[in-house]
N, C-alpha and C. Protein backbone atom coordinates (compact mmCIF):
# COMPACT_ATOMS: atom_id res chain seq x y z
N UNK A 1 86.08 87.81 59.05
CA UNK A 1 86.90 88.11 60.40
C UNK A 1 87.76 89.09 59.79
N UNK A 2 87.68 89.26 58.59
CA UNK A 2 87.78 90.45 58.61
C UNK A 2 87.03 92.06 59.24
N UNK A 3 86.10 91.39 58.16
CA UNK A 3 85.14 93.19 59.24
C UNK A 3 85.14 92.93 60.67
N UNK A 4 85.20 91.62 61.47
CA UNK A 4 85.07 91.78 62.82
C UNK A 4 86.49 93.04 63.39
N UNK A 5 87.48 92.23 62.78
CA UNK A 5 88.91 92.61 62.84
C UNK A 5 88.98 94.44 62.12
N UNK A 6 88.22 94.84 61.28
CA UNK A 6 88.81 96.02 61.51
C UNK A 6 87.29 97.36 62.05
N UNK A 7 86.07 96.36 62.62
CA UNK A 7 85.45 96.73 63.64
C UNK A 7 86.29 97.24 64.58
N UNK A 8 87.00 96.46 65.04
CA UNK A 8 87.57 96.48 66.40
C UNK A 8 88.43 97.58 66.12
N UNK A 9 89.66 97.53 64.94
CA UNK A 9 90.33 98.47 65.17
C UNK A 9 89.92 99.72 65.39
N UNK A 10 88.84 100.22 64.39
CA UNK A 10 87.55 101.34 64.30
C UNK A 10 87.15 101.67 65.76
N UNK A 11 87.20 101.05 67.03
CA UNK A 11 86.22 101.00 68.08
C UNK A 11 87.82 101.61 68.78
N UNK A 12 88.67 100.61 68.93
CA UNK A 12 89.90 100.54 69.49
C UNK A 12 90.50 102.71 68.95
N UNK A 13 90.62 103.38 67.24
CA UNK A 13 90.85 104.19 67.59
C UNK A 13 89.65 105.38 68.43
N UNK A 14 89.18 104.88 68.38
CA UNK A 14 87.63 105.76 68.53
C UNK A 14 88.08 106.37 69.68
N UNK A 15 88.43 105.06 70.93
CA UNK A 15 88.33 105.13 71.94
C UNK A 15 89.89 106.01 72.95
N UNK A 16 90.77 105.77 72.01
CA UNK A 16 92.02 105.91 72.17
C UNK A 16 92.01 106.91 71.28
N UNK A 17 92.43 107.77 70.69
CA UNK A 17 92.60 108.58 69.41
C UNK A 17 94.28 108.64 69.52
N UNK A 18 94.67 108.81 69.14
CA UNK A 18 96.05 109.45 68.26
C UNK A 18 97.36 108.86 69.49
N UNK A 19 97.57 107.89 69.54
CA UNK A 19 97.70 106.96 70.37
C UNK A 19 98.44 105.98 69.12
N UNK A 20 98.46 106.18 68.06
CA UNK A 20 99.85 105.58 67.22
C UNK A 20 99.97 106.55 66.68
N UNK A 21 101.82 106.98 66.46
CA UNK A 21 102.25 108.08 65.63
C UNK A 21 103.31 107.56 64.57
N UNK A 22 104.37 106.33 65.55
CA UNK A 22 105.47 106.44 64.90
C UNK A 22 104.96 105.45 64.28
N UNK A 23 106.12 105.49 62.43
CA UNK A 23 105.69 104.08 61.78
C UNK A 23 105.57 103.14 62.49
N UNK A 24 107.12 102.67 63.65
CA UNK A 24 107.58 101.44 63.98
C UNK A 24 105.60 100.97 65.19
N UNK A 25 105.10 102.03 65.09
CA UNK A 25 104.12 101.61 65.63
C UNK A 25 102.52 101.00 65.10
N UNK A 26 102.57 101.53 63.68
CA UNK A 26 101.39 101.02 63.10
C UNK A 26 101.65 99.87 62.72
N UNK A 27 103.49 99.50 62.59
CA UNK A 27 104.39 98.58 61.70
C UNK A 27 103.14 97.17 62.16
N UNK A 28 104.15 97.33 64.33
CA UNK A 28 103.24 96.84 65.41
C UNK A 28 101.88 96.09 65.43
N UNK A 29 100.98 97.77 64.86
CA UNK A 29 99.54 96.78 64.11
C UNK A 29 99.50 96.35 63.37
N UNK A 30 99.90 96.84 62.65
CA UNK A 30 99.70 95.72 61.27
C UNK A 30 100.24 94.61 61.38
N UNK A 31 101.86 94.00 62.64
CA UNK A 31 102.11 92.96 62.10
C UNK A 31 100.65 92.21 63.07
N UNK A 32 99.68 92.96 64.80
CA UNK A 32 99.16 91.65 65.36
C UNK A 32 98.01 91.69 64.56
N UNK A 33 97.13 92.66 63.25
CA UNK A 33 96.54 92.27 62.79
C UNK A 33 96.68 91.22 61.65
N UNK A 34 97.92 90.74 61.45
CA UNK A 34 98.32 89.60 60.44
C UNK A 34 98.56 88.45 61.06
N UNK A 35 99.28 88.56 62.85
CA UNK A 35 98.94 86.95 63.35
C UNK A 35 97.42 86.82 63.50
N UNK A 36 96.56 88.26 64.22
CA UNK A 36 95.72 87.53 64.18
C UNK A 36 94.60 87.06 63.26
N UNK A 37 94.92 87.48 61.80
CA UNK A 37 93.97 87.01 60.51
C UNK A 37 94.70 85.28 60.77
N UNK A 38 95.57 84.77 61.18
CA UNK A 38 96.64 83.90 60.62
C UNK A 38 95.78 82.47 61.60
N UNK A 39 95.92 83.47 62.75
CA UNK A 39 95.40 82.31 63.57
C UNK A 39 94.25 81.93 63.32
N UNK A 40 92.99 82.78 63.07
CA UNK A 40 91.84 82.60 62.89
C UNK A 40 91.45 82.15 61.81
N UNK A 41 92.73 82.00 60.99
CA UNK A 41 92.15 81.02 59.66
C UNK A 41 91.68 79.58 59.69
N UNK A 42 92.19 79.15 60.64
CA UNK A 42 91.65 78.18 60.29
C UNK A 42 90.43 77.79 61.12
N UNK A 43 89.49 78.48 60.93
CA UNK A 43 88.20 78.93 61.60
C UNK A 43 87.53 78.03 60.07
N UNK A 44 88.29 78.54 58.81
CA UNK A 44 88.13 78.33 57.53
C UNK A 44 88.45 76.98 56.75
N UNK A 45 88.65 76.59 57.76
CA UNK A 45 89.43 74.85 56.92
C UNK A 45 88.79 74.07 58.23
N UNK A 46 88.25 74.71 59.65
CA UNK A 46 87.52 73.15 60.09
C UNK A 46 86.45 72.86 59.37
N UNK A 47 86.14 71.83 58.84
CA UNK A 47 84.60 71.91 58.78
C UNK A 47 83.46 71.41 60.00
N UNK A 48 83.44 71.29 60.30
CA UNK A 48 82.52 71.23 61.67
C UNK A 48 83.17 71.96 62.82
N UNK A 49 82.68 72.84 63.03
CA UNK A 49 83.00 74.05 64.39
C UNK A 49 81.74 74.21 65.42
N UNK A 50 82.26 73.59 66.81
CA UNK A 50 81.60 73.68 68.31
C UNK A 50 81.46 75.29 68.55
N UNK A 51 80.34 75.65 68.20
CA UNK A 51 80.36 76.81 68.38
C UNK A 51 79.92 77.20 70.20
N UNK A 52 79.48 76.32 70.69
CA UNK A 52 79.37 76.63 72.00
C UNK A 52 80.08 76.57 72.72
N UNK A 53 81.38 75.40 72.71
CA UNK A 53 82.76 75.69 73.20
C UNK A 53 83.37 76.54 72.57
N UNK A 54 83.72 76.95 71.12
CA UNK A 54 84.21 78.42 71.13
C UNK A 54 83.60 79.74 72.03
N UNK A 55 82.52 79.97 71.97
CA UNK A 55 81.82 80.86 73.09
C UNK A 55 82.45 80.85 74.53
N UNK A 56 81.98 79.04 74.58
CA UNK A 56 82.83 78.84 75.78
C UNK A 56 84.28 79.89 76.45
N UNK A 57 85.13 79.77 75.16
CA UNK A 57 87.21 80.28 75.62
C UNK A 57 86.74 80.97 75.79
N UNK A 58 86.05 81.32 74.29
CA UNK A 58 85.82 83.39 74.18
C UNK A 58 85.51 84.14 75.04
N UNK A 59 84.40 83.61 76.14
CA UNK A 59 84.09 84.19 77.18
C UNK A 59 84.86 83.66 78.53
N UNK A 60 85.91 83.02 78.46
CA UNK A 60 86.82 83.23 79.50
C UNK A 60 87.87 83.74 79.34
N UNK A 61 88.39 83.90 78.09
CA UNK A 61 89.71 84.72 77.44
C UNK A 61 89.25 86.23 78.10
N UNK A 62 87.26 86.47 77.46
CA UNK A 62 87.21 88.05 77.96
C UNK A 62 87.77 87.92 79.49
N UNK A 63 87.33 86.81 80.25
CA UNK A 63 86.91 87.46 82.09
C UNK A 63 88.31 87.26 82.20
N UNK A 64 88.96 86.58 81.39
CA UNK A 64 90.76 86.91 82.19
C UNK A 64 91.48 88.09 81.73
N UNK A 65 91.01 88.38 80.83
CA UNK A 65 91.05 89.88 80.28
C UNK A 65 91.25 91.25 81.24
N UNK A 66 90.11 90.69 81.42
CA UNK A 66 88.61 91.83 82.09
C UNK A 66 89.22 91.75 83.34
N UNK A 67 89.70 90.35 84.32
CA UNK A 67 90.62 90.56 85.65
C UNK A 67 91.71 91.33 85.99
N UNK A 68 92.53 91.07 83.95
CA UNK A 68 94.10 91.68 84.23
C UNK A 68 93.90 93.49 84.24
N UNK A 69 92.93 93.44 83.46
CA UNK A 69 92.98 95.19 83.19
C UNK A 69 92.52 95.85 84.52
N UNK A 70 91.13 95.05 85.41
CA UNK A 70 91.07 96.24 86.49
C UNK A 70 92.02 95.04 87.94
N UNK A 71 93.11 95.16 87.67
CA UNK A 71 94.18 94.50 88.91
C UNK A 71 95.19 95.61 88.16
N UNK A 72 95.46 95.76 86.70
CA UNK A 72 96.88 97.13 86.44
C UNK A 72 95.37 97.95 86.84
N UNK A 73 94.43 98.52 86.78
CA UNK A 73 93.46 100.14 86.54
C UNK A 73 93.40 100.15 88.24
N UNK A 74 94.03 99.20 89.27
CA UNK A 74 93.09 99.03 90.65
C UNK A 74 94.58 98.78 91.82
N UNK A 75 95.82 98.65 90.94
CA UNK A 75 96.50 97.86 91.17
C UNK A 75 97.84 98.49 92.62
N UNK A 76 96.64 100.06 92.24
CA UNK A 76 97.21 100.93 93.81
C UNK A 76 96.67 100.95 94.93
N UNK A 77 95.28 100.48 94.89
CA UNK A 77 94.00 99.82 95.43
C UNK A 77 94.82 98.42 96.54
N UNK A 78 95.14 98.02 95.39
CA UNK A 78 94.87 96.56 95.39
C UNK A 78 96.70 96.43 97.00
N UNK A 79 97.58 96.78 96.09
CA UNK A 79 98.27 96.67 97.25
C UNK A 79 98.19 97.46 98.58
N UNK A 80 97.57 98.61 99.11
CA UNK A 80 96.83 98.92 100.29
C UNK A 80 96.14 97.89 100.55
N UNK A 81 95.60 96.75 99.79
CA UNK A 81 95.04 95.65 100.78
C UNK A 81 95.41 94.44 100.98
N UNK A 82 96.40 94.03 100.46
CA UNK A 82 97.98 93.67 100.62
C UNK A 82 98.31 94.21 102.00
N UNK A 83 98.90 95.28 101.99
CA UNK A 83 99.48 95.95 102.97
C UNK A 83 98.31 96.00 104.73
N UNK A 84 97.61 95.94 104.15
CA UNK A 84 96.15 95.88 105.64
C UNK A 84 95.87 94.95 105.73
N UNK A 85 96.62 93.52 105.08
CA UNK A 85 96.40 92.09 105.09
C UNK A 85 97.66 92.26 106.03
N UNK A 86 98.36 92.33 105.76
CA UNK A 86 99.95 91.74 106.13
C UNK A 86 99.86 92.09 108.21
N UNK A 87 100.03 93.41 107.81
CA UNK A 87 99.30 94.44 108.63
C UNK A 87 98.75 93.63 110.06
N UNK A 88 97.44 93.56 109.50
CA UNK A 88 96.10 92.56 110.41
C UNK A 88 96.67 91.79 110.79
N UNK A 89 97.53 90.52 110.46
CA UNK A 89 97.98 89.61 110.89
C UNK A 89 98.76 89.57 111.14
N UNK A 90 99.84 90.77 111.44
CA UNK A 90 101.41 90.91 111.65
C UNK A 90 101.76 91.14 113.49
N UNK A 91 100.33 90.88 113.94
CA UNK A 91 100.82 90.88 115.60
C UNK A 91 101.31 92.08 115.93
N UNK A 92 102.47 92.12 116.99
CA UNK A 92 103.55 93.18 117.04
C UNK A 92 104.69 93.40 115.85
N UNK A 93 104.66 92.36 114.15
CA UNK A 93 105.85 92.91 113.96
C UNK A 93 105.35 93.99 112.68
N UNK A 94 107.03 94.83 112.63
CA UNK A 94 106.43 95.13 111.69
C UNK A 94 106.50 95.68 110.11
N UNK A 95 105.42 96.42 109.98
CA UNK A 95 104.95 95.76 107.97
C UNK A 95 105.72 96.90 107.38
N UNK A 96 106.61 96.27 106.39
CA UNK A 96 106.90 98.04 105.24
C UNK A 96 105.87 98.18 104.71
N UNK A 97 105.67 100.16 104.49
CA UNK A 97 104.73 100.11 104.20
C UNK A 97 105.01 101.97 103.26
N UNK A 98 106.84 101.04 102.65
CA UNK A 98 107.59 102.35 102.17
C UNK A 98 109.20 102.07 102.59
N UNK A 99 110.25 103.11 101.58
CA UNK A 99 111.16 102.45 101.92
C UNK A 99 111.41 103.89 102.90
N UNK A 100 112.22 102.78 104.35
CA UNK A 100 112.42 102.98 105.34
C UNK A 100 111.15 103.41 106.24
N UNK A 101 109.99 102.62 106.02
CA UNK A 101 108.85 103.40 106.69
C UNK A 101 108.33 102.07 106.88
N UNK A 102 107.61 101.43 108.28
CA UNK A 102 107.04 100.88 108.77
C UNK A 102 105.91 100.96 109.33
N UNK A 103 104.69 100.25 109.84
CA UNK A 103 103.37 100.34 110.64
C UNK A 103 103.09 99.33 110.98
N UNK A 104 103.01 99.22 112.37
CA UNK A 104 102.57 98.66 113.24
C UNK A 104 100.94 98.73 113.87
N UNK A 105 100.17 97.70 113.80
CA UNK A 105 98.64 97.84 113.42
C UNK A 105 98.12 98.03 115.50
N UNK A 106 97.41 98.49 115.67
CA UNK A 106 96.60 99.13 117.31
C UNK A 106 96.14 98.00 117.57
N UNK A 107 96.58 97.43 118.56
CA UNK A 107 95.55 96.05 120.14
C UNK A 107 94.20 96.85 119.63
N UNK A 108 93.49 95.89 119.92
CA UNK A 108 91.73 95.79 120.63
C UNK A 108 92.28 96.34 122.18
N UNK A 109 93.05 96.96 122.56
CA UNK A 109 93.78 97.38 124.22
C UNK A 109 93.83 99.07 123.93
N UNK A 110 94.00 99.41 122.68
CA UNK A 110 94.18 101.02 122.11
C UNK A 110 95.94 101.27 122.28
N UNK A 111 96.54 99.88 122.62
CA UNK A 111 98.31 100.02 122.36
C UNK A 111 98.65 100.13 121.59
N UNK A 112 100.16 100.49 121.67
CA UNK A 112 101.08 99.80 119.71
C UNK A 112 101.86 99.15 120.78
N UNK A 113 101.54 97.67 119.65
CA UNK A 113 103.10 97.13 120.71
C UNK A 113 104.19 96.42 119.38
N UNK A 114 105.85 96.17 119.65
CA UNK A 114 106.37 96.59 118.47
C UNK A 114 107.76 95.16 118.62
N UNK A 115 107.89 94.32 118.14
CA UNK A 115 109.31 94.13 117.82
C UNK A 115 110.44 94.69 117.59
N UNK A 116 111.34 94.65 118.29
CA UNK A 116 112.40 95.56 117.34
C UNK A 116 113.88 94.37 118.11
N UNK A 117 114.73 94.85 116.86
CA UNK A 117 116.11 94.52 117.91
C UNK A 117 117.04 95.33 118.41
N UNK A 118 117.39 95.33 119.77
CA UNK A 118 118.70 95.44 120.28
C UNK A 118 119.24 94.90 120.18
N UNK A 119 120.50 95.30 119.36
CA UNK A 119 121.99 94.72 119.54
C UNK A 119 121.87 93.08 119.24
N UNK A 120 120.92 93.37 118.19
CA UNK A 120 120.72 91.62 117.15
C UNK A 120 119.29 90.76 117.69
N UNK A 121 118.95 91.39 119.33
CA UNK A 121 118.12 90.01 120.09
C UNK A 121 117.16 91.44 120.07
N UNK A 122 115.67 89.57 119.84
CA UNK A 122 113.93 90.42 119.33
C UNK A 122 113.68 91.27 121.03
N UNK A 123 113.53 92.04 121.63
CA UNK A 123 112.90 93.26 122.07
C UNK A 123 111.21 93.68 121.86
N UNK A 124 110.47 92.45 122.75
CA UNK A 124 109.04 93.63 122.33
C UNK A 124 108.95 94.67 122.86
N UNK A 125 108.31 96.05 123.05
CA UNK A 125 107.97 97.24 123.08
C UNK A 125 106.60 97.98 123.32
N UNK A 126 106.99 98.06 124.23
CA UNK A 126 105.53 98.89 123.60
C UNK A 126 105.81 101.04 123.99
N UNK A 127 105.03 100.87 122.57
CA UNK A 127 104.86 102.25 122.19
C UNK A 127 104.07 103.36 122.87
N UNK A 128 105.36 104.25 123.84
CA UNK A 128 104.51 105.00 124.51
C UNK A 128 104.72 106.84 124.35
N UNK A 129 104.13 107.48 123.90
CA UNK A 129 104.13 108.91 123.95
C UNK A 129 104.25 110.14 125.16
N UNK A 130 104.09 109.56 125.91
CA UNK A 130 104.17 110.37 127.04
C UNK A 130 105.37 109.60 128.12
N UNK A 131 106.67 108.87 127.23
CA UNK A 131 107.43 108.65 128.29
C UNK A 131 108.52 109.23 127.52
N UNK A 132 109.58 109.96 127.85
CA UNK A 132 110.14 110.52 127.30
C UNK A 132 112.01 109.86 126.97
N UNK A 133 111.68 108.40 127.83
CA UNK A 133 113.18 107.76 127.58
C UNK A 133 112.56 106.46 126.70
N UNK A 134 113.81 106.42 126.50
CA UNK A 134 113.50 104.38 126.14
C UNK A 134 113.68 103.88 126.97
N UNK A 135 113.07 102.63 127.68
CA UNK A 135 113.82 102.02 128.69
C UNK A 135 113.15 100.80 128.44
N UNK A 136 114.56 100.12 129.27
CA UNK A 136 114.09 98.89 129.11
C UNK A 136 114.00 98.26 130.36
N UNK A 137 113.41 96.83 130.63
CA UNK A 137 112.73 96.68 131.91
C UNK A 137 113.91 95.55 132.32
N UNK A 138 114.49 95.28 133.92
CA UNK A 138 115.13 94.65 133.82
C UNK A 138 115.23 93.29 133.32
N UNK A 139 113.94 92.61 133.61
CA UNK A 139 113.87 91.38 132.12
C UNK A 139 115.00 91.51 130.99
N UNK A 140 114.62 92.68 130.06
CA UNK A 140 115.05 92.55 129.29
C UNK A 140 115.99 92.96 128.98
N UNK A 141 117.18 94.19 130.37
CA UNK A 141 118.34 94.04 130.29
C UNK A 141 118.80 92.73 130.37
N UNK A 142 118.04 91.75 131.70
CA UNK A 142 118.96 91.10 131.55
C UNK A 142 119.46 89.60 130.47
N UNK A 143 118.29 90.00 130.02
CA UNK A 143 118.42 88.76 128.67
C UNK A 143 119.46 89.78 127.10
N UNK A 144 119.78 90.94 127.43
CA UNK A 144 120.32 91.43 127.02
C UNK A 144 122.13 91.68 127.36
N UNK A 145 122.64 91.19 128.55
CA UNK A 145 123.41 91.13 128.38
C UNK A 145 123.72 91.94 129.15
N UNK A 146 122.54 93.97 129.67
CA UNK A 146 123.43 94.99 129.92
C UNK A 146 123.60 95.32 131.06
N UNK A 147 122.38 94.59 132.29
CA UNK A 147 122.67 94.43 133.53
C UNK A 147 123.97 94.42 134.38
N UNK A 148 124.74 95.12 134.10
CA UNK A 148 126.18 94.55 134.95
C UNK A 148 125.86 95.63 136.75
N UNK A 149 127.37 94.92 137.42
CA UNK A 149 126.59 95.86 138.65
C UNK A 149 127.05 96.64 138.39
N UNK A 150 128.30 97.44 137.76
CA UNK A 150 128.33 98.93 137.83
C UNK A 150 126.93 99.96 137.19
N UNK A 151 126.11 99.38 137.07
CA UNK A 151 125.27 100.66 136.25
C UNK A 151 124.75 101.92 137.72
N UNK A 152 124.99 102.30 137.51
CA UNK A 152 124.07 103.87 138.15
C UNK A 152 122.90 103.60 137.90
N UNK A 153 121.79 104.54 139.33
CA UNK A 153 120.66 104.06 138.67
C UNK A 153 120.10 105.58 138.93
N UNK A 154 120.86 107.23 138.45
CA UNK A 154 120.89 108.20 138.70
C UNK A 154 119.47 108.60 137.76
N UNK A 155 119.39 108.58 137.11
CA UNK A 155 118.33 108.99 136.14
C UNK A 155 117.36 109.16 136.91
N UNK A 156 115.52 110.15 137.05
CA UNK A 156 114.91 109.94 138.26
C UNK A 156 113.45 110.31 137.11
N UNK A 157 112.53 109.70 137.19
CA UNK A 157 111.49 109.74 136.31
C UNK A 157 109.97 109.68 137.15
N UNK A 158 109.15 111.10 137.10
CA UNK A 158 107.96 110.71 137.75
C UNK A 158 107.04 109.56 136.81
N UNK A 159 106.79 108.85 137.65
CA UNK A 159 106.09 107.53 136.84
C UNK A 159 104.32 108.46 138.29
N UNK A 160 102.76 106.94 137.46
CA UNK A 160 101.99 106.76 138.31
C UNK A 160 102.27 105.85 139.89
N UNK A 161 103.16 105.64 140.00
CA UNK A 161 103.39 104.64 141.09
C UNK A 161 104.51 105.14 141.91
N UNK A 162 104.86 106.88 141.18
CA UNK A 162 105.68 107.56 142.24
C UNK A 162 106.96 107.86 141.57
N UNK A 163 107.78 108.01 142.21
CA UNK A 163 109.47 108.05 141.18
C UNK A 163 110.18 106.41 140.81
N UNK A 164 110.72 106.85 140.26
CA UNK A 164 111.51 105.86 139.69
C UNK A 164 112.58 105.92 139.49
N UNK A 165 113.31 104.73 139.58
CA UNK A 165 115.07 105.11 139.01
C UNK A 165 115.52 104.43 138.13
N UNK A 166 116.70 104.58 137.12
CA UNK A 166 117.12 103.74 135.59
C UNK A 166 118.67 104.71 135.68
N UNK A 167 118.45 103.97 135.04
CA UNK A 167 120.35 103.97 134.48
C UNK A 167 120.35 103.96 133.18
N UNK A 168 121.11 105.33 132.93
CA UNK A 168 120.93 105.32 131.85
C UNK A 168 122.04 105.02 130.90
N UNK A 169 122.00 104.11 129.63
CA UNK A 169 123.07 103.71 129.35
C UNK A 169 123.09 103.85 127.54
N UNK A 170 123.69 103.17 126.77
CA UNK A 170 123.63 103.34 125.08
C UNK A 170 123.87 101.84 124.06
N UNK A 171 123.02 102.06 124.25
CA UNK A 171 123.36 100.97 122.78
C UNK A 171 123.54 100.94 121.58
N UNK A 172 124.08 99.98 121.00
CA UNK A 172 124.94 99.97 119.95
C UNK A 172 123.60 100.01 118.58
N UNK A 173 123.18 99.49 118.76
CA UNK A 173 122.23 99.46 117.29
C UNK A 173 120.29 98.42 118.35
N UNK A 174 119.53 99.50 117.92
CA UNK A 174 118.53 99.36 117.09
C UNK A 174 117.59 99.88 116.67
N UNK A 175 116.49 98.21 115.90
CA UNK A 175 116.48 98.75 114.78
C UNK A 175 114.54 98.03 114.52
N UNK A 176 114.03 98.31 114.26
CA UNK A 176 112.43 97.93 113.67
C UNK A 176 112.26 98.26 112.42
N UNK A 177 112.37 96.75 112.02
CA UNK A 177 112.06 96.55 109.93
C UNK A 177 113.42 97.28 110.23
N UNK A 178 113.32 98.26 108.46
CA UNK A 178 113.86 98.62 107.93
C UNK A 178 114.49 99.99 108.82
N UNK A 179 114.24 100.19 109.52
CA UNK A 179 114.66 101.68 110.31
C UNK A 179 115.73 101.31 111.63
N UNK A 180 116.79 102.27 111.39
CA UNK A 180 117.72 101.47 112.14
C UNK A 180 118.84 102.48 112.98
N UNK A 181 118.79 102.66 114.34
CA UNK A 181 118.85 103.78 114.89
C UNK A 181 121.01 103.42 115.92
N UNK A 182 121.80 103.81 115.50
CA UNK A 182 123.47 104.05 115.88
C UNK A 182 123.08 104.42 117.27
N UNK A 183 123.69 103.40 117.79
CA UNK A 183 123.94 104.40 119.35
C UNK A 183 123.08 105.37 120.27
N UNK A 184 122.36 104.06 119.82
CA UNK A 184 120.60 104.58 121.32
C UNK A 184 120.72 104.61 122.28
N UNK A 185 120.38 106.29 122.56
CA UNK A 185 120.53 105.59 124.64
C UNK A 185 118.92 105.62 124.99
N UNK A 186 118.91 104.84 125.61
CA UNK A 186 117.93 103.67 126.41
C UNK A 186 118.31 104.31 128.55
N UNK A 187 117.29 103.77 128.96
CA UNK A 187 117.62 103.56 130.18
C UNK A 187 116.97 102.39 131.06
N UNK A 188 117.90 101.90 131.89
CA UNK A 188 117.64 100.46 132.60
C UNK A 188 116.53 100.36 133.91
N UNK A 189 115.42 99.76 133.59
CA UNK A 189 114.53 100.96 135.32
C UNK A 189 114.50 99.85 136.05
N UNK A 190 114.52 100.30 137.31
CA UNK A 190 115.35 99.72 138.62
C UNK A 190 114.61 98.88 138.72
N UNK A 191 112.92 99.19 138.72
CA UNK A 191 111.91 98.50 139.40
C UNK A 191 111.12 97.44 138.51
N UNK A 192 110.92 95.82 138.90
CA UNK A 192 110.83 95.40 137.88
C UNK A 192 109.57 96.09 137.08
N UNK A 193 108.63 95.93 135.47
CA UNK A 193 108.23 96.21 134.83
C UNK A 193 107.76 95.28 134.43
N UNK A 194 106.23 95.22 132.89
CA UNK A 194 106.00 94.35 132.57
C UNK A 194 106.31 94.40 131.31
N UNK A 195 106.81 95.74 130.41
CA UNK A 195 107.37 95.40 129.52
C UNK A 195 107.93 96.39 128.59
N UNK A 196 109.01 96.11 128.17
CA UNK A 196 110.21 97.51 127.87
C UNK A 196 109.15 98.58 126.95
N UNK A 197 109.22 100.29 127.18
CA UNK A 197 108.68 101.34 126.75
C UNK A 197 109.89 102.09 125.77
N UNK A 198 109.37 101.78 124.80
CA UNK A 198 109.80 102.78 122.77
C UNK A 198 109.05 103.87 124.03
N UNK A 199 109.76 105.60 124.04
CA UNK A 199 109.68 106.29 123.91
C UNK A 199 110.26 107.51 123.00
N UNK A 200 109.91 109.49 123.35
CA UNK A 200 110.20 110.20 122.70
C UNK A 200 111.57 109.92 121.96
N UNK A 201 112.73 109.68 123.10
CA UNK A 201 113.79 109.45 122.63
C UNK A 201 114.26 108.34 121.49
N UNK A 202 113.24 107.66 121.10
CA UNK A 202 113.12 106.89 119.89
C UNK A 202 112.56 108.16 118.58
N UNK A 203 111.15 108.05 118.95
CA UNK A 203 110.32 108.55 118.30
C UNK A 203 110.91 109.94 117.32
N UNK A 204 111.78 110.55 117.82
CA UNK A 204 112.29 111.89 117.87
C UNK A 204 113.03 111.24 116.87
N UNK A 205 113.66 111.04 117.14
CA UNK A 205 115.04 110.31 116.11
C UNK A 205 114.33 110.52 114.51
N UNK A 206 113.30 109.84 114.15
CA UNK A 206 112.35 109.74 113.20
C UNK A 206 112.21 111.23 112.60
N UNK A 207 112.05 110.43 110.99
CA UNK A 207 111.92 111.71 109.98
C UNK A 207 110.10 112.07 110.43
N UNK A 208 109.38 111.09 110.94
CA UNK A 208 108.26 110.93 110.68
C UNK A 208 107.08 110.14 111.33
N UNK A 209 106.25 110.86 112.47
CA UNK A 209 105.21 109.38 113.07
C UNK A 209 103.83 109.57 112.70
N UNK A 210 103.17 108.98 112.41
CA UNK A 210 101.96 109.32 113.13
C UNK A 210 101.03 107.95 112.83
N UNK A 211 99.91 108.55 113.57
CA UNK A 211 98.84 107.18 114.03
C UNK A 211 97.50 107.55 112.37
N UNK A 212 97.38 106.72 112.12
CA UNK A 212 96.12 107.24 111.37
C UNK A 212 95.64 105.95 111.00
N UNK A 213 94.34 105.95 110.56
CA UNK A 213 93.64 104.05 110.58
C UNK A 213 94.13 103.25 111.71
N UNK A 214 94.25 103.51 112.76
CA UNK A 214 94.31 102.67 114.01
C UNK A 214 95.76 102.19 113.55
N UNK A 215 96.84 102.73 113.24
CA UNK A 215 97.94 101.88 112.86
C UNK A 215 99.33 103.47 112.82
N UNK A 216 100.08 102.97 113.08
CA UNK A 216 100.68 103.67 113.51
C UNK A 216 102.37 103.89 112.33
N UNK A 217 102.48 104.63 111.73
CA UNK A 217 103.65 105.01 110.23
C UNK A 217 104.76 105.38 110.90
N UNK A 218 106.10 105.28 110.68
CA UNK A 218 107.10 105.47 111.18
C UNK A 218 107.47 105.26 109.86
N UNK A 219 108.28 106.60 109.88
CA UNK A 219 108.94 106.81 108.73
C UNK A 219 110.55 107.15 108.79
N UNK A 220 111.83 106.44 108.75
CA UNK A 220 112.90 106.92 109.47
C UNK A 220 114.11 108.03 108.40
N UNK A 221 114.84 108.48 109.00
CA UNK A 221 115.93 109.13 108.44
C UNK A 221 117.28 108.73 107.02
């Protein structure tokens, strides 16, 4: 047993030279060697040793240590796998990719949809880099209680269906995950829309946004 321990230490010192410097580090090493020796002393007191069982137990511990070592060595890659899995099954709900950074997956249709909070109420947006404004559909504006009779539809916009009219407003708070924007300018569209649009008026207030690997990454300021 002493020969096995000494051989193991020799291999470690050869593989990781210069790792022990301070006296307390040598002290910890001596303590671990003594602990291994004490635990191994039971082998000499045992009358019968079931070597096949010991081999199975040793193989199990070797496998556990190997899995832990791989997990530590590739922890960054495993974190990326976890994020990709969360993103794939999140639907339109954004997934945190870092501090004040959210990621939204691309739908099979090619668009990016995200669940946001407007004044604390959930609204599903289509992210549209071709839209200058962030536009609320009349239905979403009604659910938010923003469609007051005093709205003035003075904002003109050229759309595929012709000239559209919108009423400019300012909402108190717009949040997407950990990204929060206060006093966010929006436009309530006069004509019906299938969905509200998150346009460049929001995206340009971010620190950065980019599309990578069918995912939209948004980083707040």
